[in-house]
Amino acid sequence: MRYSIFTFLILLTSQVFAWEGYDPLNNTPLAIDKGNLVREGEAIELLDYSTGQYHSVDVESVRQIGGSTEVEVFDYNTGEFRILDMGY
């Protein structure tokens, strides 16, 4: 029982430090966990909340638009480019 409570607290804490966002084309909420350096040319992991799966992506560009950040990535899992709206 003690381990399950500890695991739950770790998972809860890791979600607090995630950068929440949205993929408007695929209509899916997502998150980039703390520790990922979101810079052009970097490889990062993002969590797709609709499937519960992590995706390996390369950051192609990062742009500030209004009060949010647009991150263009190449998703190795799908073989497609995605535009993410981070900070909604």
PDB file of N, CA and C in Angstrom:
ATOM      1  N   MET A   1       0.825  -1.190   0.000  1.00  0.00           N
ATOM      2  CA  MET A   1       0.000   0.000   0.000  1.00  0.00           C
ATOM      3  C   MET A   1       0.870   1.255   0.000  1.00  0.00           C
ATOM      4  N   ARG A   2       1.955   1.231   0.756  1.00  0.00           N
ATOM      5  CA  ARG A   2       2.828   2.387   0.854  1.00  0.00           C
ATOM      6  C   ARG A   2       3.426   2.750  -0.503  1.00  0.00           C
ATOM      7  N   TYR A   3       3.815   1.726  -1.299  1.00  0.00           N
ATOM      8  CA  TYR A   3       4.393   1.993  -2.610  1.00  0.00           C
ATOM      9  C   TYR A   3       3.375   2.594  -3.567  1.00  0.00           C
ATOM     10  N   SER A   4       2.138   2.170  -3.511  1.00  0.00           N
ATOM     11  CA  SER A   4       1.130   2.710  -4.421  1.00  0.00           C
ATOM     12  C   SER A   4       0.846   4.179  -4.118  1.00  0.00           C
ATOM     13  N   ILE A   5       0.844   4.568  -2.867  1.00  0.00           N
ATOM     14  CA  ILE A   5       0.653   5.977  -2.505  1.00  0.00           C
ATOM     15  C   ILE A   5       1.846   6.798  -2.979  1.00  0.00           C
ATOM     16  N   PHE A   6       3.053   6.266  -2.791  1.00  0.00           N
ATOM     17  CA  PHE A   6       4.259   6.957  -3.232  1.00  0.00           C
ATOM     18  C   PHE A   6       4.243   7.136  -4.750  1.00  0.00           C
ATOM     19  N   THR A   7       3.876   6.092  -5.482  1.00  0.00           N
ATOM     20  CA  THR A   7       3.799   6.165  -6.938  1.00  0.00           C
ATOM     21  C   THR A   7       2.776   7.195  -7.379  1.00  0.00           C
ATOM     22  N   PHE A   8       1.624   7.212  -6.730  1.00  0.00           N
ATOM     23  CA  PHE A   8       0.589   8.190  -7.049  1.00  0.00           C
ATOM     24  C   PHE A   8       1.101   9.611  -6.845  1.00  0.00           C
ATOM     25  N   LEU A   9       1.797   9.863  -5.748  1.00  0.00           N
ATOM     26  CA  LEU A   9       2.322  11.207  -5.479  1.00  0.00           C
ATOM     27  C   LEU A   9       3.368  11.619  -6.507  1.00  0.00           C
ATOM     28  N   ILE A  10       4.205  10.696  -6.929  1.00  0.00           N
ATOM     29  CA  ILE A  10       5.206  10.995  -7.955  1.00  0.00           C
ATOM     30  C   ILE A  10       4.511  11.361  -9.268  1.00  0.00           C
ATOM     31  N   LEU A  11       3.516  10.583  -9.675  1.00  0.00           N
ATOM     32  CA  LEU A  11       2.801  10.875 -10.914  1.00  0.00           C
ATOM     33  C   LEU A  11       2.066  12.204 -10.831  1.00  0.00           C
ATOM     34  N   LEU A  12       1.466  12.487  -9.702  1.00  0.00           N
ATOM     35  CA  LEU A  12       0.755  13.748  -9.510  1.00  0.00           C
ATOM     36  C   LEU A  12       1.723  14.918  -9.581  1.00  0.00           C
ATOM     37  N   THR A  13       2.865  14.801  -8.952  1.00  0.00           N
ATOM     38  CA  THR A  13       3.868  15.862  -8.952  1.00  0.00           C
ATOM     39  C   THR A  13       4.430  16.080 -10.347  1.00  0.00           C
ATOM     40  N   SER A  14       4.656  15.011 -11.104  1.00  0.00           N
ATOM     41  CA  SER A  14       5.217  15.174 -12.447  1.00  0.00           C
ATOM     42  C   SER A  14       4.246  15.908 -13.359  1.00  0.00           C
ATOM     43  N   GLN A  15       2.951  15.727 -13.175  1.00  0.00           N
ATOM     44  CA  GLN A  15       1.978  16.427 -13.995  1.00  0.00           C
ATOM     45  C   GLN A  15       1.908  17.908 -13.649  1.00  0.00           C
ATOM     46  N   VAL A  16       2.203  18.278 -12.420  1.00  0.00           N
ATOM     47  CA  VAL A  16       2.187  19.681 -12.012  1.00  0.00           C
ATOM     48  C   VAL A  16       3.247  20.470 -12.764  1.00  0.00           C
ATOM     49  N   PHE A  17       4.343  19.844 -13.099  1.00  0.00           N
ATOM     50  CA  PHE A  17       5.447  20.529 -13.743  1.00  0.00           C
ATOM     51  C   PHE A  17       5.466  20.368 -15.258  1.00  0.00           C
ATOM     52  N   ALA A  18       4.367  19.905 -15.833  1.00  0.00           N
ATOM     53  CA  ALA A  18       4.292  19.745 -17.285  1.00  0.00           C
ATOM     54  C   ALA A  18       3.836  21.049 -17.931  1.00  0.00           C
ATOM     55  N   TRP A  19       4.236  21.242 -19.181  1.00  0.00           N
ATOM     56  CA  TRP A  19       3.799  22.384 -19.980  1.00  0.00           C
ATOM     57  C   TRP A  19       2.601  21.903 -20.790  1.00  0.00           C
ATOM     58  N   GLU A  20       1.427  22.367 -20.444  1.00  0.00           N
ATOM     59  CA  GLU A  20       0.192  21.919 -21.069  1.00  0.00           C
ATOM     60  C   GLU A  20      -0.017  22.610 -22.406  1.00  0.00           C
ATOM     61  N   GLY A  21      -0.586  21.878 -23.359  1.00  0.00           N
ATOM     62  CA  GLY A  21      -0.848  22.441 -24.672  1.00  0.00           C
ATOM     63  C   GLY A  21      -1.942  21.697 -25.395  1.00  0.00           C
ATOM     64  N   TYR A  22      -2.062  21.978 -26.692  1.00  0.00           N
ATOM     65  CA  TYR A  22      -3.145  21.449 -27.493  1.00  0.00           C
ATOM     66  C   TYR A  22      -2.698  21.338 -28.950  1.00  0.00           C
ATOM     67  N   ASP A  23      -3.117  20.273 -29.605  1.00  0.00           N
ATOM     68  CA  ASP A  23      -2.885  20.105 -31.037  1.00  0.00           C
ATOM     69  C   ASP A  23      -4.224  20.348 -31.722  1.00  0.00           C
ATOM     70  N   PRO A  24      -4.441  21.562 -32.271  1.00  0.00           N
ATOM     71  CA  PRO A  24      -5.743  21.881 -32.843  1.00  0.00           C
ATOM     72  C   PRO A  24      -6.102  21.053 -34.080  1.00  0.00           C
ATOM     73  N   LEU A  25      -5.129  20.626 -34.870  1.00  0.00           N
ATOM     74  CA  LEU A  25      -5.418  19.847 -36.071  1.00  0.00           C
ATOM     75  C   LEU A  25      -5.973  18.468 -35.722  1.00  0.00           C
ATOM     76  N   ASN A  26      -5.374  17.833 -34.701  1.00  0.00           N
ATOM     77  CA  ASN A  26      -5.823  16.502 -34.281  1.00  0.00           C
ATOM     78  C   ASN A  26      -6.824  16.557 -33.125  1.00  0.00           C
ATOM     79  N   ASN A  27      -7.105  17.778 -32.630  1.00  0.00           N
ATOM     80  CA  ASN A  27      -8.071  17.977 -31.552  1.00  0.00           C
ATOM     81  C   ASN A  27      -7.701  17.183 -30.297  1.00  0.00           C
ATOM     82  N   THR A  28      -6.414  17.288 -29.885  1.00  0.00           N
ATOM     83  CA  THR A  28      -5.948  16.518 -28.733  1.00  0.00           C
ATOM     84  C   THR A  28      -5.189  17.396 -27.741  1.00  0.00           C
ATOM     85  N   PRO A  29      -5.477  17.246 -26.445  1.00  0.00           N
ATOM     86  CA  PRO A  29      -4.668  17.904 -25.425  1.00  0.00           C
ATOM     87  C   PRO A  29      -3.370  17.120 -25.233  1.00  0.00           C
ATOM     88  N   LEU A  30      -2.310  17.837 -24.841  1.00  0.00           N
ATOM     89  CA  LEU A  30      -1.020  17.183 -24.658  1.00  0.00           C
ATOM     90  C   LEU A  30      -0.200  17.926 -23.622  1.00  0.00           C
ATOM     91  N   ALA A  31       0.932  17.345 -23.276  1.00  0.00           N
ATOM     92  CA  ALA A  31       1.833  17.965 -22.308  1.00  0.00           C
ATOM     93  C   ALA A  31       3.271  17.620 -22.653  1.00  0.00           C
ATOM     94  N   ILE A  32       4.141  18.570 -22.365  1.00  0.00           N
ATOM     95  CA  ILE A  32       5.578  18.354 -22.461  1.00  0.00           C
ATOM     96  C   ILE A  32       6.095  18.375 -21.030  1.00  0.00           C
ATOM     97  N   ASP A  33       6.650  17.260 -20.591  1.00  0.00           N
ATOM     98  CA  ASP A  33       7.121  17.145 -19.209  1.00  0.00           C
ATOM     99  C   ASP A  33       8.307  18.045 -18.929  1.00  0.00           C
ATOM    100  N   LYS A  34       8.432  18.429 -17.662  1.00  0.00           N
ATOM    101  CA  LYS A  34       9.569  19.214 -17.210  1.00  0.00           C
ATOM    102  C   LYS A  34      10.851  18.453 -17.539  1.00  0.00           C
ATOM    103  N   GLY A  35      11.870  19.186 -17.905  1.00  0.00           N
ATOM    104  CA  GLY A  35      13.158  18.570 -18.227  1.00  0.00           C
ATOM    105  C   GLY A  35      13.414  18.489 -19.724  1.00  0.00           C
ATOM    106  N   ASN A  36      12.375  18.701 -20.534  1.00  0.00           N
ATOM    107  CA  ASN A  36      12.541  18.733 -21.987  1.00  0.00           C
ATOM    108  C   ASN A  36      12.928  20.143 -22.402  1.00  0.00           C
ATOM    109  N   LEU A  37      14.016  20.283 -23.125  1.00  0.00           N
ATOM    110  CA  LEU A  37      14.462  21.580 -23.613  1.00  0.00           C
ATOM    111  C   LEU A  37      13.781  21.850 -24.948  1.00  0.00           C
ATOM    112  N   VAL A  38      12.790  22.738 -24.929  1.00  0.00           N
ATOM    113  CA  VAL A  38      11.994  23.014 -26.130  1.00  0.00           C
ATOM    114  C   VAL A  38      12.674  24.127 -26.909  1.00  0.00           C
ATOM    115  N   ARG A  39      13.605  23.727 -27.758  1.00  0.00           N
ATOM    116  CA  ARG A  39      14.369  24.640 -28.608  1.00  0.00           C
ATOM    117  C   ARG A  39      14.482  24.011 -29.988  1.00  0.00           C
ATOM    118  N   GLU A  40      14.579  24.835 -31.010  1.00  0.00           N
ATOM    119  CA  GLU A  40      14.723  24.353 -32.380  1.00  0.00           C
ATOM    120  C   GLU A  40      15.897  23.389 -32.474  1.00  0.00           C
ATOM    121  N   GLY A  41      15.644  22.235 -33.088  1.00  0.00           N
ATOM    122  CA  GLY A  41      16.687  21.228 -33.270  1.00  0.00           C
ATOM    123  C   GLY A  41      16.768  20.196 -32.158  1.00  0.00           C
ATOM    124  N   GLU A  42      16.041  20.392 -31.067  1.00  0.00           N
ATOM    125  CA  GLU A  42      16.080  19.458 -29.936  1.00  0.00           C
ATOM    126  C   GLU A  42      15.052  18.341 -30.115  1.00  0.00           C
ATOM    127  N   ALA A  43      15.369  17.164 -29.610  1.00  0.00           N
ATOM    128  CA  ALA A  43      14.427  16.045 -29.558  1.00  0.00           C
ATOM    129  C   ALA A  43      13.776  16.040 -28.181  1.00  0.00           C
ATOM    130  N   ILE A  44      12.443  15.936 -28.132  1.00  0.00           N
ATOM    131  CA  ILE A  44      11.716  15.928 -26.869  1.00  0.00           C
ATOM    132  C   ILE A  44      10.647  14.840 -26.894  1.00  0.00           C
ATOM    133  N   GLU A  45      10.056  14.592 -25.743  1.00  0.00           N
ATOM    134  CA  GLU A  45       8.941  13.666 -25.606  1.00  0.00           C
ATOM    135  C   GLU A  45       7.704  14.473 -25.230  1.00  0.00           C
ATOM    136  N   LEU A  46       6.575  14.162 -25.865  1.00  0.00           N
ATOM    137  CA  LEU A  46       5.330  14.791 -25.452  1.00  0.00           C
ATOM    138  C   LEU A  46       4.296  13.715 -25.170  1.00  0.00           C
ATOM    139  N   LEU A  47       3.427  14.000 -24.215  1.00  0.00           N
ATOM    140  CA  LEU A  47       2.385  13.067 -23.803  1.00  0.00           C
ATOM    141  C   LEU A  47       1.078  13.474 -24.450  1.00  0.00           C
ATOM    142  N   ASP A  48       0.498  12.567 -25.229  1.00  0.00           N
ATOM    143  CA  ASP A  48      -0.799  12.770 -25.858  1.00  0.00           C
ATOM    144  C   ASP A  48      -1.849  12.253 -24.876  1.00  0.00           C
ATOM    145  N   TYR A  49      -2.609  13.171 -24.276  1.00  0.00           N
ATOM    146  CA  TYR A  49      -3.593  12.768 -23.271  1.00  0.00           C
ATOM    147  C   TYR A  49      -4.714  11.916 -23.851  1.00  0.00           C
ATOM    148  N   SER A  50      -5.030  12.066 -25.137  1.00  0.00           N
ATOM    149  CA  SER A  50      -6.137  11.300 -25.717  1.00  0.00           C
ATOM    150  C   SER A  50      -5.820   9.803 -25.814  1.00  0.00           C
ATOM    151  N   THR A  51      -4.536   9.467 -25.977  1.00  0.00           N
ATOM    152  CA  THR A  51      -4.145   8.056 -26.069  1.00  0.00           C
ATOM    153  C   THR A  51      -3.361   7.592 -24.849  1.00  0.00           C
ATOM    154  N   GLY A  52      -2.826   8.544 -24.069  1.00  0.00           N
ATOM    155  CA  GLY A  52      -1.994   8.194 -22.921  1.00  0.00           C
ATOM    156  C   GLY A  52      -0.597   7.758 -23.322  1.00  0.00           C
ATOM    157  N   GLN A  53      -0.208   7.998 -24.577  1.00  0.00           N
ATOM    158  CA  GLN A  53       1.095   7.564 -25.074  1.00  0.00           C
ATOM    159  C   GLN A  53       2.040   8.747 -25.252  1.00  0.00           C
ATOM    160  N   TYR A  54       3.333   8.459 -25.064  1.00  0.00           N
ATOM    161  CA  TYR A  54       4.367   9.448 -25.327  1.00  0.00           C
ATOM    162  C   TYR A  54       4.772   9.383 -26.794  1.00  0.00           C
ATOM    163  N   HIS A  55       5.102  10.537 -27.366  1.00  0.00           N
ATOM    164  CA  HIS A  55       5.564  10.626 -28.746  1.00  0.00           C
ATOM    165  C   HIS A  55       6.946  11.272 -28.753  1.00  0.00           C
ATOM    166  N   SER A  56       7.858  10.693 -29.527  1.00  0.00           N
ATOM    167  CA  SER A  56       9.180  11.285 -29.730  1.00  0.00           C
ATOM    168  C   SER A  56       9.065  12.265 -30.883  1.00  0.00           C
ATOM    169  N   VAL A  57       9.463  13.521 -30.631  1.00  0.00           N
ATOM    170  CA  VAL A  57       9.349  14.551 -31.656  1.00  0.00           C
ATOM    171  C   VAL A  57      10.623  15.381 -31.714  1.00  0.00           C
ATOM    172  N   ASP A  58      10.884  15.965 -32.879  1.00  0.00           N
ATOM    173  CA  ASP A  58      11.956  16.952 -33.048  1.00  0.00           C
ATOM    174  C   ASP A  58      11.312  18.317 -33.137  1.00  0.00           C
ATOM    175  N   VAL A  59      11.864  19.295 -32.429  1.00  0.00           N
ATOM    176  CA  VAL A  59      11.347  20.654 -32.472  1.00  0.00           C
ATOM    177  C   VAL A  59      11.886  21.336 -33.727  1.00  0.00           C
ATOM    178  N   GLU A  60      10.981  21.759 -34.607  1.00  0.00           N
ATOM    179  CA  GLU A  60      11.341  22.440 -35.845  1.00  0.00           C
ATOM    180  C   GLU A  60      11.404  23.954 -35.652  1.00  0.00           C
ATOM    181  N   SER A  61      10.435  24.514 -34.908  1.00  0.00           N
ATOM    182  CA  SER A  61      10.433  25.956 -34.651  1.00  0.00           C
ATOM    183  C   SER A  61       9.606  26.259 -33.405  1.00  0.00           C
ATOM    184  N   VAL A  62       9.898  27.402 -32.795  1.00  0.00           N
ATOM    185  CA  VAL A  62       9.168  27.897 -31.621  1.00  0.00           C
ATOM    186  C   VAL A  62       8.879  29.369 -31.860  1.00  0.00           C
ATOM    187  N   ARG A  63       7.585  29.740 -31.770  1.00  0.00           N
ATOM    188  CA  ARG A  63       7.187  31.141 -32.005  1.00  0.00           C
ATOM    189  C   ARG A  63       6.201  31.591 -30.944  1.00  0.00           C
ATOM    190  N   GLN A  64       6.386  32.830 -30.475  1.00  0.00           N
ATOM    191  CA  GLN A  64       5.428  33.453 -29.569  1.00  0.00           C
ATOM    192  C   GLN A  64       4.313  34.067 -30.399  1.00  0.00           C
ATOM    193  N   ILE A  65       3.067  33.723 -30.098  1.00  0.00           N
ATOM    194  CA  ILE A  65       1.917  34.293 -30.784  1.00  0.00           C
ATOM    195  C   ILE A  65       0.909  34.703 -29.723  1.00  0.00           C
ATOM    196  N   GLY A  66       0.770  36.015 -29.543  1.00  0.00           N
ATOM    197  CA  GLY A  66      -0.135  36.495 -28.501  1.00  0.00           C
ATOM    198  C   GLY A  66       0.305  36.003 -27.142  1.00  0.00           C
ATOM    199  N   GLY A  67      -0.620  35.383 -26.409  1.00  0.00           N
ATOM    200  CA  GLY A  67      -0.316  34.881 -25.069  1.00  0.00           C
ATOM    201  C   GLY A  67       0.095  33.431 -25.045  1.00  0.00           C
ATOM    202  N   SER A  68       0.299  32.813 -26.202  1.00  0.00           N
ATOM    203  CA  SER A  68       0.694  31.412 -26.227  1.00  0.00           C
ATOM    204  C   SER A  68       1.954  31.231 -27.075  1.00  0.00           C
ATOM    205  N   THR A  69       2.433  30.018 -27.082  1.00  0.00           N
ATOM    206  CA  THR A  69       3.624  29.669 -27.858  1.00  0.00           C
ATOM    207  C   THR A  69       3.255  28.582 -28.850  1.00  0.00           C
ATOM    208  N   GLU A  70       3.616  28.795 -30.105  1.00  0.00           N
ATOM    209  CA  GLU A  70       3.392  27.803 -31.150  1.00  0.00           C
ATOM    210  C   GLU A  70       4.679  27.018 -31.342  1.00  0.00           C
ATOM    211  N   VAL A  71       4.586  25.703 -31.218  1.00  0.00           N
ATOM    212  CA  VAL A  71       5.745  24.835 -31.382  1.00  0.00           C
ATOM    213  C   VAL A  71       5.464  23.888 -32.543  1.00  0.00           C
ATOM    214  N   GLU A  72       6.285  23.981 -33.600  1.00  0.00           N
ATOM    215  CA  GLU A  72       6.154  23.055 -34.719  1.00  0.00           C
ATOM    216  C   GLU A  72       7.116  21.905 -34.476  1.00  0.00           C
ATOM    217  N   VAL A  73       6.609  20.678 -34.581  1.00  0.00           N
ATOM    218  CA  VAL A  73       7.426  19.492 -34.324  1.00  0.00           C
ATOM    219  C   VAL A  73       7.242  18.477 -35.447  1.00  0.00           C
ATOM    220  N   PHE A  74       8.226  17.588 -35.575  1.00  0.00           N
ATOM    221  CA  PHE A  74       8.090  16.408 -36.424  1.00  0.00           C
ATOM    222  C   PHE A  74       7.906  15.227 -35.498  1.00  0.00           C
ATOM    223  N   ASP A  75       6.785  14.520 -35.637  1.00  0.00           N
ATOM    224  CA  ASP A  75       6.424  13.399 -34.770  1.00  0.00           C
ATOM    225  C   ASP A  75       6.913  12.098 -35.416  1.00  0.00           C
ATOM    226  N   TYR A  76       7.893  11.443 -34.783  1.00  0.00           N
ATOM    227  CA  TYR A  76       8.430  10.197 -35.319  1.00  0.00           C
ATOM    228  C   TYR A  76       7.428   9.052 -35.236  1.00  0.00           C
ATOM    229  N   ASN A  77       6.497   9.108 -34.278  1.00  0.00           N
ATOM    230  CA  ASN A  77       5.505   8.047 -34.138  1.00  0.00           C
ATOM    231  C   ASN A  77       4.523   8.030 -35.309  1.00  0.00           C
ATOM    232  N   THR A  78       4.159   9.217 -35.816  1.00  0.00           N
ATOM    233  CA  THR A  78       3.174   9.302 -36.900  1.00  0.00           C
ATOM    234  C   THR A  78       3.819   9.617 -38.246  1.00  0.00           C
ATOM    235  N   GLY A  79       5.051  10.117 -38.238  1.00  0.00           N
ATOM    236  CA  GLY A  79       5.716  10.515 -39.468  1.00  0.00           C
ATOM    237  C   GLY A  79       5.185  11.820 -40.033  1.00  0.00           C
ATOM    238  N   GLU A  80       4.574  12.644 -39.178  1.00  0.00           N
ATOM    239  CA  GLU A  80       3.952  13.889 -39.618  1.00  0.00           C
ATOM    240  C   GLU A  80       4.486  15.092 -38.842  1.00  0.00           C
ATOM    241  N   PHE A  81       4.358  16.257 -39.466  1.00  0.00           N
ATOM    242  CA  PHE A  81       4.625  17.511 -38.768  1.00  0.00           C
ATOM    243  C   PHE A  81       3.366  17.900 -38.015  1.00  0.00           C
ATOM    244  N   ARG A  82       3.548  18.459 -36.806  1.00  0.00           N
ATOM    245  CA  ARG A  82       2.419  18.909 -35.991  1.00  0.00           C
ATOM    246  C   ARG A  82       2.706  20.326 -35.504  1.00  0.00           C
ATOM    247  N   ILE A  83       1.654  21.138 -35.387  1.00  0.00           N
ATOM    248  CA  ILE A  83       1.775  22.468 -34.802  1.00  0.00           C
ATOM    249  C   ILE A  83       1.057  22.419 -33.458  1.00  0.00           C
ATOM    250  N   LEU A  84       1.773  22.702 -32.397  1.00  0.00           N
ATOM    251  CA  LEU A  84       1.235  22.632 -31.045  1.00  0.00           C
ATOM    252  C   LEU A  84       1.003  24.030 -30.501  1.00  0.00           C
ATOM    253  N   ASP A  85      -0.135  24.243 -29.881  1.00  0.00           N
ATOM    254  CA  ASP A  85      -0.446  25.507 -29.216  1.00  0.00           C
ATOM    255  C   ASP A  85      -0.203  25.297 -27.725  1.00  0.00           C
ATOM    256  N   MET A  86       0.911  25.804 -27.237  1.00  0.00           N
ATOM    257  CA  MET A  86       1.299  25.593 -25.847  1.00  0.00           C
ATOM    258  C   MET A  86       0.933  26.819 -25.008  1.00  0.00           C
ATOM    259  N   GLY A  87       0.357  26.562 -23.862  1.00  0.00           N
ATOM    260  CA  GLY A  87       0.057  27.655 -22.940  1.00  0.00           C
ATOM    261  C   GLY A  87      -1.360  28.133 -23.006  1.00  0.00           C
ATOM    262  N   TYR A  88      -2.290  27.251 -23.371  1.00  0.00           N
ATOM    263  CA  TYR A  88      -3.692  27.669 -23.391  1.00  0.00           C
ATOM    264  C   TYR A  88      -4.274  27.621 -22.004  1.00  0.00           C
TER     265      TYR A  88
END
